[in-house]
Amino acid sequence: MQLDMNLLVALDALLDEGSVGGAAARMHVSSPAMSRTLDRIRHMTGDAILVRAGRHMSPTPYALAIREEVQAVVTRAQALLAQQRRFDPAGMERSFTIQCHDALACALGPVWLAGLQRTAPRSSLRVLAEASMDTPELRQGQVDLHIGAAIPTQADLLHAVLGEDRPVVAMRPQHPLAGRKLTARSYASADHLTVSRRGRLHDPVDDLLAAQGLSRRVAASAPTVAAALCMAVAADLLVVVPACVSASLLQAMKLKTAALPLAVSPLPVVATWHRRHDGDPAHAWLREQVAESVKPWASFHGQDAQDPARLGGDGHADQLLRNSSRS
């Protein structure tokens, strides 16, 4: 048997995606071309690999049995080949794509761009907004790195907790509560603004208030942190935002902040990438640049990065940041 490494890579994509279309998108080929590759794999292995099950395709028992081993072989081969290449950021011509929350893009995007222009001037940067629902861009190779608050649960996604932020209450200087220490009762008595891509007027803060027998009136919602702060400038509304990543916007808009008078755990800053990039020196360089950009304000850096228990707390703060980008 003549070994074709491309077939092994294609097999890994087919088993991971569970569809010809998904594997084709990941490998940047047409669906007919991937179908022909699947036929070659079937001929070589003597197994159907993927079979039609209604509107979807399901892996055969043989495919399930070899899936983890195939992924391990492909990952190891990619890492081995990457080690043979001399990595030179200055001469690198590559387009990196980072997907993140809008507040993170405002706070860290300029830092990422400056670092890229300084050390990798022949490369380019694409910063994408988070989608309103979970999407497979990382798995399909459309996104190199996702920065957010969620710890991934899929086995093929790796992550590192880069640091922590904390939620604060923002308001305009003319607000009746500006300059005062907030209590849960005074906070609940004001009018509020939520950050939600889907326009939801309820978020985890309401659950925390309800636990104390309190409720609040949410007068409006905004799709992004930047839009919410613009609205807060024009009206007596309170809005909860991540303090550090929103700092430049808060300062530019001359908004006041106060501590949120509720028991909320810190907001994790999590970098997530697909396992296939783990041995890529260019991708490792990108991850290092992003991690360095967080250091000036993050509470901790890389401690127990793979352990979700390190985040602690009740999870409400994590939901606050995710609510604005996913809801």
Protein backbone atom coordinates (compact mmCIF):
# COMPACT_ATOMS: atom_id res chain seq x y z
CA MET A 1 0.00 0.00 0.00
CA GLN A 2 1.32 3.43 -0.95
CA LEU A 3 0.76 5.90 1.87
CA ASP A 4 -0.70 9.26 0.88
CA MET A 5 -0.48 11.62 3.85
CA ASN A 6 -3.08 13.87 2.25
CA LEU A 7 -5.60 11.04 2.55
CA LEU A 8 -4.85 10.76 6.26
CA VAL A 9 -5.39 14.51 6.73
CA ALA A 10 -8.63 14.29 4.76
CA LEU A 11 -9.74 11.30 6.82
CA ASP A 12 -9.11 13.28 10.00
CA ALA A 13 -11.24 16.15 8.67
CA LEU A 14 -14.04 13.81 7.59
CA LEU A 15 -14.15 12.04 10.96
CA ASP A 16 -13.99 15.31 12.87
CA GLU A 17 -16.62 17.14 10.81
CA GLY A 18 -18.86 14.15 10.15
CA SER A 19 -19.73 15.44 6.70
CA VAL A 20 -18.21 15.84 3.26
CA GLY A 21 -19.20 19.52 3.13
CA GLY A 22 -17.63 20.33 6.50
CA ALA A 23 -14.41 18.52 5.63
CA ALA A 24 -14.27 20.29 2.26
CA ALA A 25 -14.67 23.71 3.91
CA ARG A 26 -11.89 22.92 6.40
CA MET A 27 -9.47 21.82 3.70
CA HIS A 28 -10.50 24.59 1.28
CA VAL A 29 -11.55 22.22 -1.51
CA SER A 30 -14.86 21.66 -3.28
CA SER A 31 -17.40 19.13 -2.03
CA PRO A 32 -17.07 16.99 -5.19
CA ALA A 33 -13.29 16.87 -4.68
CA MET A 34 -13.76 15.76 -1.07
CA SER A 35 -16.29 13.13 -2.19
CA ARG A 36 -13.68 11.69 -4.57
CA THR A 37 -11.14 11.68 -1.71
CA LEU A 38 -13.63 9.81 0.48
CA ASP A 39 -14.03 7.23 -2.29
CA ARG A 40 -10.25 6.74 -2.35
CA ILE A 41 -10.18 6.32 1.43
CA ARG A 42 -12.99 3.77 1.21
CA HIS A 43 -11.09 1.84 -1.44
CA MET A 44 -7.89 1.91 0.61
CA THR A 45 -9.49 0.88 3.93
CA GLY A 46 -12.24 -1.38 2.64
CA ASP A 47 -14.71 0.48 4.86
CA ALA A 48 -17.49 2.98 4.09
CA ILE A 49 -16.15 5.39 6.79
CA LEU A 50 -19.30 7.60 6.64
CA VAL A 51 -22.78 6.29 5.82
CA ARG A 52 -26.01 8.13 5.16
CA ALA A 53 -28.38 8.27 8.17
CA GLY A 54 -31.42 10.31 7.18
CA ARG A 55 -30.26 13.84 6.30
CA HIS A 56 -26.92 13.36 8.01
CA MET A 57 -23.93 11.03 7.79
CA SER A 58 -22.77 8.76 10.59
CA PRO A 59 -19.32 7.17 11.09
CA THR A 60 -19.04 3.42 10.84
CA PRO A 61 -17.83 1.36 13.83
CA TYR A 62 -14.41 1.13 12.16
CA ALA A 63 -14.29 4.92 11.73
CA LEU A 64 -15.19 5.44 15.38
CA ALA A 65 -12.48 3.00 16.43
CA ILE A 66 -9.71 4.79 14.53
CA ARG A 67 -10.84 8.42 14.94
CA GLU A 68 -8.67 9.34 17.94
CA GLU A 69 -5.62 7.53 16.55
CA VAL A 70 -5.96 9.26 13.16
CA GLN A 71 -6.19 12.66 14.84
CA ALA A 72 -3.14 11.90 16.99
CA VAL A 73 -1.07 10.81 13.97
CA VAL A 74 -2.02 13.91 11.94
CA THR A 75 -1.34 16.25 14.87
CA ARG A 76 2.04 14.63 15.52
CA ALA A 77 3.00 14.80 11.83
CA GLN A 78 2.08 18.48 11.64
CA ALA A 79 4.15 19.22 14.73
CA LEU A 80 7.09 17.20 13.40
CA LEU A 81 7.10 19.01 10.07
CA ALA A 82 6.65 22.39 11.74
CA GLN A 83 9.80 21.80 13.81
CA GLN A 84 11.84 21.47 10.63
CA ARG A 85 10.92 24.95 9.45
CA ARG A 86 12.90 27.92 10.69
CA PHE A 87 10.37 30.37 12.02
CA ASP A 88 10.99 33.99 11.07
CA PRO A 89 8.14 36.41 12.01
CA ALA A 90 9.72 39.25 10.03
CA GLY A 91 9.58 37.27 6.79
CA MET A 92 6.27 35.56 7.47
CA GLU A 93 3.45 36.27 5.03
CA ARG A 94 0.30 35.09 6.76
CA SER A 95 -3.16 36.36 7.56
CA PHE A 96 -4.23 35.75 11.16
CA THR A 97 -7.89 35.77 12.15
CA ILE A 98 -8.95 36.48 15.73
CA GLN A 99 -12.59 36.33 16.79
CA CYS A 100 -13.54 38.13 19.98
CA HIS A 101 -16.03 40.20 21.95
CA ASP A 102 -16.29 43.80 20.77
CA ALA A 103 -14.92 45.20 24.05
CA LEU A 104 -11.83 43.00 23.70
CA ALA A 105 -11.40 44.14 20.09
CA CYS A 106 -11.49 47.80 21.21
CA ALA A 107 -9.06 47.24 24.08
CA LEU A 108 -6.58 44.82 22.52
CA GLY A 109 -7.01 45.20 18.75
CA PRO A 110 -4.68 48.23 18.58
CA VAL A 111 -2.06 46.34 20.62
CA TRP A 112 -2.28 43.28 18.36
CA LEU A 113 -1.98 45.43 15.23
CA ALA A 114 1.01 47.38 16.58
CA GLY A 115 2.78 44.14 17.51
CA LEU A 116 2.10 42.66 14.09
CA GLN A 117 3.40 45.73 12.25
CA ARG A 118 6.49 45.81 14.44
CA THR A 119 7.52 42.14 14.37
CA ALA A 120 5.67 40.62 11.38
CA PRO A 121 5.14 43.52 8.94
CA ARG A 122 4.42 41.26 5.96
CA SER A 123 1.50 39.56 7.72
CA SER A 124 -2.05 40.81 8.19
CA LEU A 125 -4.70 40.70 10.91
CA ARG A 126 -8.44 40.09 10.67
CA VAL A 127 -10.51 40.74 13.80
CA LEU A 128 -14.03 39.28 13.62
CA ALA A 129 -17.00 39.94 15.88
CA GLU A 130 -18.42 37.03 17.81
CA ALA A 131 -21.44 35.39 16.22
CA SER A 132 -24.84 35.43 17.93
CA MET A 133 -24.70 31.65 18.32
CA ASP A 134 -22.06 28.94 18.55
CA THR A 135 -20.37 28.47 15.19
CA PRO A 136 -17.68 26.03 13.99
CA GLU A 137 -15.18 28.58 12.59
CA LEU A 138 -12.30 27.25 14.73
CA ARG A 139 -12.90 23.69 13.61
CA GLN A 140 -13.29 24.71 9.97
CA GLY A 141 -10.07 26.71 9.98
CA GLN A 142 -11.78 30.05 9.35
CA VAL A 143 -10.61 31.46 12.70
CA ASP A 144 -7.12 31.01 14.21
CA LEU A 145 -7.88 32.13 17.74
CA HIS A 146 -11.03 32.89 19.69
CA ILE A 147 -10.83 35.19 22.72
CA GLY A 148 -13.77 35.19 25.10
CA ALA A 149 -15.04 34.04 28.47
CA ALA A 150 -16.13 30.48 27.75
CA ILE A 151 -14.11 27.34 28.51
CA PRO A 152 -14.45 24.99 25.50
CA THR A 153 -15.79 21.50 26.13
CA GLN A 154 -14.94 19.89 22.75
CA ALA A 155 -11.97 17.51 22.85
CA ASP A 156 -10.43 18.98 19.70
CA LEU A 157 -10.28 22.52 21.11
CA LEU A 158 -7.43 23.66 23.36
CA HIS A 159 -7.50 26.73 25.57
CA ALA A 160 -5.54 28.89 27.98
CA VAL A 161 -6.94 31.25 30.60
CA LEU A 162 -4.92 34.42 30.06
CA GLY A 163 -6.26 36.45 32.96
CA GLU A 164 -9.32 37.89 34.63
CA ASP A 165 -11.36 41.04 34.36
CA ARG A 166 -14.11 42.24 36.68
CA PRO A 167 -17.57 43.64 36.01
CA VAL A 168 -18.30 47.26 36.96
CA VAL A 169 -21.34 49.50 36.73
CA ALA A 170 -20.96 52.38 34.26
CA MET A 171 -23.03 55.58 34.20
CA ARG A 172 -22.81 59.16 33.00
CA PRO A 173 -21.46 61.82 35.42
CA GLN A 174 -24.92 63.42 35.67
CA HIS A 175 -26.53 60.21 36.93
CA PRO A 176 -28.08 60.59 40.42
CA LEU A 177 -25.96 57.65 41.66
CA ALA A 178 -22.66 58.88 40.19
CA GLY A 179 -19.96 59.18 42.84
CA ARG A 180 -21.95 57.19 45.40
CA LYS A 181 -21.26 53.72 46.72
CA LEU A 182 -23.95 51.44 45.36
CA THR A 183 -25.98 49.05 47.48
CA ALA A 184 -28.02 46.23 46.03
CA ARG A 185 -31.18 48.20 46.78
CA SER A 186 -30.01 51.51 45.27
CA TYR A 187 -28.67 49.67 42.25
CA ALA A 188 -31.97 47.84 41.70
CA SER A 189 -33.98 51.06 42.05
CA ALA A 190 -32.32 52.66 38.99
CA ASP A 191 -33.12 52.13 35.31
CA HIS A 192 -30.82 49.75 33.48
CA LEU A 193 -29.38 48.78 30.12
CA THR A 194 -28.31 45.28 29.07
CA VAL A 195 -25.73 44.23 26.49
CA SER A 196 -27.22 41.52 24.29
CA ARG A 197 -26.85 40.76 20.59
CA ARG A 198 -30.34 39.27 20.61
CA GLY A 199 -31.90 42.18 22.44
CA ARG A 200 -32.65 40.35 25.67
CA LEU A 201 -33.77 42.49 28.60
CA HIS A 202 -32.82 39.88 31.19
CA ASP A 203 -29.36 38.63 32.18
CA PRO A 204 -27.69 36.90 35.18
CA VAL A 205 -27.74 40.16 37.20
CA ASP A 206 -31.53 39.75 37.45
CA ASP A 207 -31.06 36.29 38.97
CA LEU A 208 -28.64 37.68 41.56
CA LEU A 209 -31.09 40.43 42.48
CA ALA A 210 -33.98 37.98 42.67
CA ALA A 211 -32.00 35.91 45.18
CA GLN A 212 -32.11 38.98 47.45
CA GLY A 213 -35.80 39.62 46.82
CA LEU A 214 -35.05 42.54 44.48
CA SER A 215 -35.84 43.34 40.86
CA ARG A 216 -34.85 46.07 38.42
CA ARG A 217 -36.32 47.81 35.40
CA VAL A 218 -34.35 47.29 32.19
CA ALA A 219 -35.24 50.16 29.88
CA ALA A 220 -33.19 49.11 26.83
CA SER A 221 -30.65 46.71 25.38
CA ALA A 222 -27.68 47.29 23.06
CA PRO A 223 -25.89 44.76 20.82
CA THR A 224 -22.33 45.65 21.90
CA VAL A 225 -20.49 47.18 24.84
CA ALA A 226 -19.53 50.20 22.74
CA ALA A 227 -23.15 50.81 21.73
CA ALA A 228 -24.33 50.35 25.32
CA LEU A 229 -21.84 52.92 26.63
CA CYS A 230 -22.91 55.39 23.92
CA MET A 231 -26.50 54.99 25.11
CA ALA A 232 -25.45 55.38 28.74
CA VAL A 233 -23.86 58.73 27.86
CA ALA A 234 -27.24 60.03 26.73
CA ALA A 235 -29.54 58.73 29.49
CA ASP A 236 -29.66 57.95 33.20
CA LEU A 237 -29.10 54.24 32.73
CA LEU A 238 -26.76 51.83 34.52
CA VAL A 239 -24.90 49.20 32.48
CA VAL A 240 -22.58 46.40 33.63
CA VAL A 241 -19.40 46.08 31.56
CA PRO A 242 -15.97 44.40 31.97
CA ALA A 243 -13.76 47.02 33.64
CA CYS A 244 -10.36 46.53 32.04
CA VAL A 245 -11.33 45.82 28.46
CA SER A 246 -13.79 48.73 28.56
CA ALA A 247 -11.35 51.16 30.19
CA SER A 248 -10.45 53.10 27.03
CA LEU A 249 -14.11 53.50 26.05
CA LEU A 250 -15.10 54.53 29.57
CA GLN A 251 -12.35 57.15 29.62
CA ALA A 252 -13.10 58.46 26.13
CA MET A 253 -16.79 58.85 26.95
CA LYS A 254 -16.02 60.31 30.41
CA LEU A 255 -18.28 57.80 32.14
CA LYS A 256 -18.20 57.10 35.87
CA THR A 257 -17.92 53.59 37.29
CA ALA A 258 -18.91 51.95 40.55
CA ALA A 259 -18.45 48.50 42.03
CA LEU A 260 -21.27 46.09 41.29
CA PRO A 261 -22.92 45.51 44.70
CA LEU A 262 -23.52 41.82 44.03
CA ALA A 263 -21.41 38.71 44.60
CA VAL A 264 -19.99 38.10 41.14
CA SER A 265 -16.88 36.10 40.28
CA PRO A 266 -14.18 37.56 37.98
CA LEU A 267 -14.55 37.43 34.21
CA PRO A 268 -12.05 34.97 32.67
CA VAL A 269 -10.21 35.91 29.49
CA VAL A 270 -9.87 32.65 27.55
CA ALA A 271 -7.94 31.97 24.34
CA THR A 272 -9.21 28.96 22.37
CA TRP A 273 -7.73 27.29 19.28
CA HIS A 274 -8.06 24.04 17.36
CA ARG A 275 -5.72 21.18 18.18
CA ARG A 276 -4.35 21.14 14.63
CA HIS A 277 -2.56 24.46 15.31
CA ASP A 278 -0.86 23.37 18.52
CA GLY A 279 2.45 22.50 16.86
CA ASP A 280 2.46 25.41 14.40
CA PRO A 281 5.24 27.88 15.37
CA ALA A 282 3.44 30.79 13.69
CA HIS A 283 0.28 30.06 15.64
CA ALA A 284 2.29 29.67 18.85
CA TRP A 285 3.77 33.11 18.12
CA LEU A 286 0.24 34.53 17.70
CA ARG A 287 -0.87 33.02 21.02
CA GLU A 288 2.18 34.51 22.73
CA GLN A 289 1.42 37.97 21.30
CA VAL A 290 -2.16 37.79 22.54
CA ALA A 291 -1.11 36.57 25.98
CA GLU A 292 1.40 39.42 26.29
CA SER A 293 -1.27 41.96 25.34
CA VAL A 294 -3.41 40.90 28.30
CA LYS A 295 -0.64 41.11 30.89
CA PRO A 296 -0.83 44.86 31.66
CA TRP A 297 -4.26 44.49 33.25
CA ALA A 298 -5.08 40.80 33.78
CA SER A 299 -5.25 39.63 37.38
CA PHE A 300 -3.29 36.44 36.74
CA HIS A 301 -1.49 34.92 33.78
CA GLY A 302 -1.63 31.29 32.78
CA GLN A 303 -2.05 29.79 36.24
CA ASP A 304 -3.80 26.40 35.97
CA ALA A 305 -4.74 27.44 32.45
CA GLN A 306 -6.39 24.14 31.56
CA ASP A 307 -8.38 23.87 34.80
CA PRO A 308 -11.88 25.39 34.72
CA ALA A 309 -12.03 25.07 38.51
CA ARG A 310 -9.38 27.82 38.70
CA LEU A 311 -12.09 30.30 37.76
CA GLY A 312 -14.06 29.66 40.92
CA GLY A 313 -17.14 31.67 41.89
CA ASP A 314 -20.73 31.07 40.89
CA GLY A 315 -20.33 31.48 37.15
CA HIS A 316 -22.52 34.58 36.88
CA ALA A 317 -19.69 36.84 35.75
CA ASP A 318 -18.75 34.40 33.01
CA GLN A 319 -22.35 34.48 31.83
CA LEU A 320 -22.39 38.29 31.87
CA LEU A 321 -19.70 38.52 29.19
CA ARG A 322 -21.03 35.57 27.21
CA ASN A 323 -24.57 36.96 27.39
CA SER A 324 -23.58 40.05 25.43
CA SER A 325 -21.84 38.11 22.67
CA ARG A 326 -24.00 35.00 22.39
CA SER A 327 -27.47 36.22 23.34
